[in-house]
Amino acid sequence: MKTEFAPSLLASDFSQLKDQIQLIKEADYLHLDVMDGVFVPNITFGPGLIKAIKKHTALPFDTHLMITKPELKPVFLLTRQLLLKLWNIFYQNWIRY
């Protein structure tokens, strides 16, 4: 079994983002923790920043969405290469029914 490597962009130096992405170009994926400030109190990457990141890497995104209504967000479409919709999103929608 091959071990895969997905460094988190959230741990990078945002003032040097392009250079930080180049440092991990041999990784298997680029991990994005996407937070909208509603589902969780923090805000991280929006659609504009994700589009800019895509210009600097060919790595597929491994995405942890911590957002409300992910199906309506442009970020969902931008990061659908490999998407981790964790239980918290499913559970939040499931308990409404």
C-alpha atoms as a PDB file:
ATOM      1  CA  MET A   1       0.000   0.000   0.000  1.00  0.00           C
ATOM      2  CA  LYS A   2       1.371   3.405  -1.002  1.00  0.00           C
ATOM      3  CA  THR A   3       1.477   6.172   1.578  1.00  0.00           C
ATOM      4  CA  GLU A   4       0.106   9.422   0.225  1.00  0.00           C
ATOM      5  CA  PHE A   5       1.110  12.888   1.343  1.00  0.00           C
ATOM      6  CA  ALA A   6      -1.344  15.826   1.566  1.00  0.00           C
ATOM      7  CA  PRO A   7       0.202  18.864   3.296  1.00  0.00           C
ATOM      8  CA  SER A   8      -2.262  21.420   4.602  1.00  0.00           C
ATOM      9  CA  LEU A   9      -2.179  24.866   3.050  1.00  0.00           C
ATOM     10  CA  LEU A  10      -3.517  26.267   6.317  1.00  0.00           C
ATOM     11  CA  ALA A  11      -0.085  25.610   7.883  1.00  0.00           C
ATOM     12  CA  SER A  12       1.717  27.728   5.292  1.00  0.00           C
ATOM     13  CA  ASP A  13       3.029  31.297   5.455  1.00  0.00           C
ATOM     14  CA  PHE A  14       0.296  33.222   3.627  1.00  0.00           C
ATOM     15  CA  SER A  15       2.664  36.071   2.800  1.00  0.00           C
ATOM     16  CA  GLN A  16       4.711  33.563   0.749  1.00  0.00           C
ATOM     17  CA  LEU A  17       1.882  31.400  -0.580  1.00  0.00           C
ATOM     18  CA  LYS A  18       3.186  30.849  -4.122  1.00  0.00           C
ATOM     19  CA  ASP A  19       6.615  29.817  -2.807  1.00  0.00           C
ATOM     20  CA  GLN A  20       5.063  27.599  -0.133  1.00  0.00           C
ATOM     21  CA  ILE A  21       3.022  25.759  -2.773  1.00  0.00           C
ATOM     22  CA  GLN A  22       6.160  25.164  -4.837  1.00  0.00           C
ATOM     23  CA  LEU A  23       7.878  23.596  -1.811  1.00  0.00           C
ATOM     24  CA  ILE A  24       5.307  20.793  -1.772  1.00  0.00           C
ATOM     25  CA  LYS A  25       5.039  20.151  -5.506  1.00  0.00           C
ATOM     26  CA  GLU A  26       5.984  16.478  -5.006  1.00  0.00           C
ATOM     27  CA  ALA A  27       3.016  15.848  -2.689  1.00  0.00           C
ATOM     28  CA  ASP A  28       0.081  13.698  -3.782  1.00  0.00           C
ATOM     29  CA  TYR A  29      -2.583  16.254  -2.850  1.00  0.00           C
ATOM     30  CA  LEU A  30      -2.916  19.755  -1.458  1.00  0.00           C
ATOM     31  CA  HIS A  31      -5.141  19.800   1.631  1.00  0.00           C
ATOM     32  CA  LEU A  32      -7.526  22.742   2.049  1.00  0.00           C
ATOM     33  CA  ASP A  33      -9.474  23.356   5.254  1.00  0.00           C
ATOM     34  CA  VAL A  34     -12.335  25.540   3.997  1.00  0.00           C
ATOM     35  CA  MET A  35     -14.219  27.416   6.739  1.00  0.00           C
ATOM     36  CA  ASP A  36     -17.008  29.928   6.138  1.00  0.00           C
ATOM     37  CA  GLY A  37     -17.291  31.698   9.496  1.00  0.00           C
ATOM     38  CA  VAL A  38     -20.826  30.287   9.966  1.00  0.00           C
ATOM     39  CA  PHE A  39     -20.458  26.526  10.318  1.00  0.00           C
ATOM     40  CA  VAL A  40     -17.313  27.183  12.365  1.00  0.00           C
ATOM     41  CA  PRO A  41     -16.202  30.597  13.688  1.00  0.00           C
ATOM     42  CA  ASN A  42     -13.089  30.847  11.509  1.00  0.00           C
ATOM     43  CA  ILE A  43     -12.814  31.941   7.863  1.00  0.00           C
ATOM     44  CA  THR A  44     -10.121  30.500   5.606  1.00  0.00           C
ATOM     45  CA  PHE A  45     -10.199  30.055   1.821  1.00  0.00           C
ATOM     46  CA  GLY A  46     -12.856  31.533  -0.447  1.00  0.00           C
ATOM     47  CA  PRO A  47     -13.468  30.937  -4.145  1.00  0.00           C
ATOM     48  CA  GLY A  48     -11.162  33.775  -5.242  1.00  0.00           C
ATOM     49  CA  LEU A  49      -8.172  32.468  -3.323  1.00  0.00           C
ATOM     50  CA  ILE A  50      -8.814  28.887  -4.423  1.00  0.00           C
ATOM     51  CA  LYS A  51      -8.868  30.001  -8.079  1.00  0.00           C
ATOM     52  CA  ALA A  52      -5.554  31.781  -7.549  1.00  0.00           C
ATOM     53  CA  ILE A  53      -4.040  28.698  -5.884  1.00  0.00           C
ATOM     54  CA  LYS A  54      -5.110  26.494  -8.806  1.00  0.00           C
ATOM     55  CA  LYS A  55      -2.977  28.651 -11.128  1.00  0.00           C
ATOM     56  CA  HIS A  56       0.145  27.653  -9.195  1.00  0.00           C
ATOM     57  CA  THR A  57      -0.287  23.910  -8.736  1.00  0.00           C
ATOM     58  CA  ALA A  58      -1.353  20.834 -10.640  1.00  0.00           C
ATOM     59  CA  LEU A  59      -1.965  18.953  -7.384  1.00  0.00           C
ATOM     60  CA  PRO A  60      -5.518  17.755  -6.801  1.00  0.00           C
ATOM     61  CA  PHE A  61      -7.206  19.290  -3.778  1.00  0.00           C
ATOM     62  CA  ASP A  62      -8.039  17.198  -0.724  1.00  0.00           C
ATOM     63  CA  THR A  63     -10.731  19.355   0.850  1.00  0.00           C
ATOM     64  CA  HIS A  64     -12.303  19.457   4.287  1.00  0.00           C
ATOM     65  CA  LEU A  65     -15.431  21.609   3.986  1.00  0.00           C
ATOM     66  CA  MET A  66     -16.555  23.220   7.218  1.00  0.00           C
ATOM     67  CA  ILE A  67     -19.228  25.333   5.572  1.00  0.00           C
ATOM     68  CA  THR A  68     -23.003  25.566   5.571  1.00  0.00           C
ATOM     69  CA  LYS A  69     -24.802  24.428   2.430  1.00  0.00           C
ATOM     70  CA  PRO A  70     -21.732  23.157   0.561  1.00  0.00           C
ATOM     71  CA  GLU A  71     -23.849  22.296  -2.469  1.00  0.00           C
ATOM     72  CA  LEU A  72     -24.529  26.016  -3.030  1.00  0.00           C
ATOM     73  CA  LYS A  73     -20.992  27.293  -2.614  1.00  0.00           C
ATOM     74  CA  PRO A  74     -18.674  27.997  -5.564  1.00  0.00           C
ATOM     75  CA  VAL A  75     -15.878  26.511  -3.452  1.00  0.00           C
ATOM     76  CA  PHE A  76     -17.547  23.110  -3.810  1.00  0.00           C
ATOM     77  CA  LEU A  77     -17.187  23.273  -7.591  1.00  0.00           C
ATOM     78  CA  LEU A  78     -13.590  24.472  -7.376  1.00  0.00           C
ATOM     79  CA  THR A  79     -12.447  21.706  -5.038  1.00  0.00           C
ATOM     80  CA  ARG A  80     -14.406  18.681  -6.189  1.00  0.00           C
ATOM     81  CA  GLN A  81     -11.349  16.758  -7.400  1.00  0.00           C
ATOM     82  CA  LEU A  82     -11.098  14.926  -4.085  1.00  0.00           C
ATOM     83  CA  LEU A  83     -13.590  16.085  -1.528  1.00  0.00           C
ATOM     84  CA  LEU A  84     -13.855  15.073   2.093  1.00  0.00           C
ATOM     85  CA  LYS A  85     -17.340  15.876   3.310  1.00  0.00           C
ATOM     86  CA  LEU A  86     -16.964  14.935   6.902  1.00  0.00           C
ATOM     87  CA  TRP A  87     -19.668  13.595   9.151  1.00  0.00           C
ATOM     88  CA  ASN A  88     -20.354  17.005  10.680  1.00  0.00           C
ATOM     89  CA  ILE A  89     -21.806  18.264   7.376  1.00  0.00           C
ATOM     90  CA  PHE A  90     -23.889  15.145   6.795  1.00  0.00           C
ATOM     91  CA  TYR A  91     -25.069  15.063  10.380  1.00  0.00           C
ATOM     92  CA  GLN A  92     -26.107  18.719  10.371  1.00  0.00           C
ATOM     93  CA  ASN A  93     -28.342  18.142   7.333  1.00  0.00           C
ATOM     94  CA  TRP A  94     -29.580  14.727   8.487  1.00  0.00           C
ATOM     95  CA  ILE A  95     -30.952  15.905  11.839  1.00  0.00           C
ATOM     96  CA  ARG A  96     -33.305  18.346  10.081  1.00  0.00           C
ATOM     97  CA  TYR A  97     -35.442  15.460   8.733  1.00  0.00           C
END
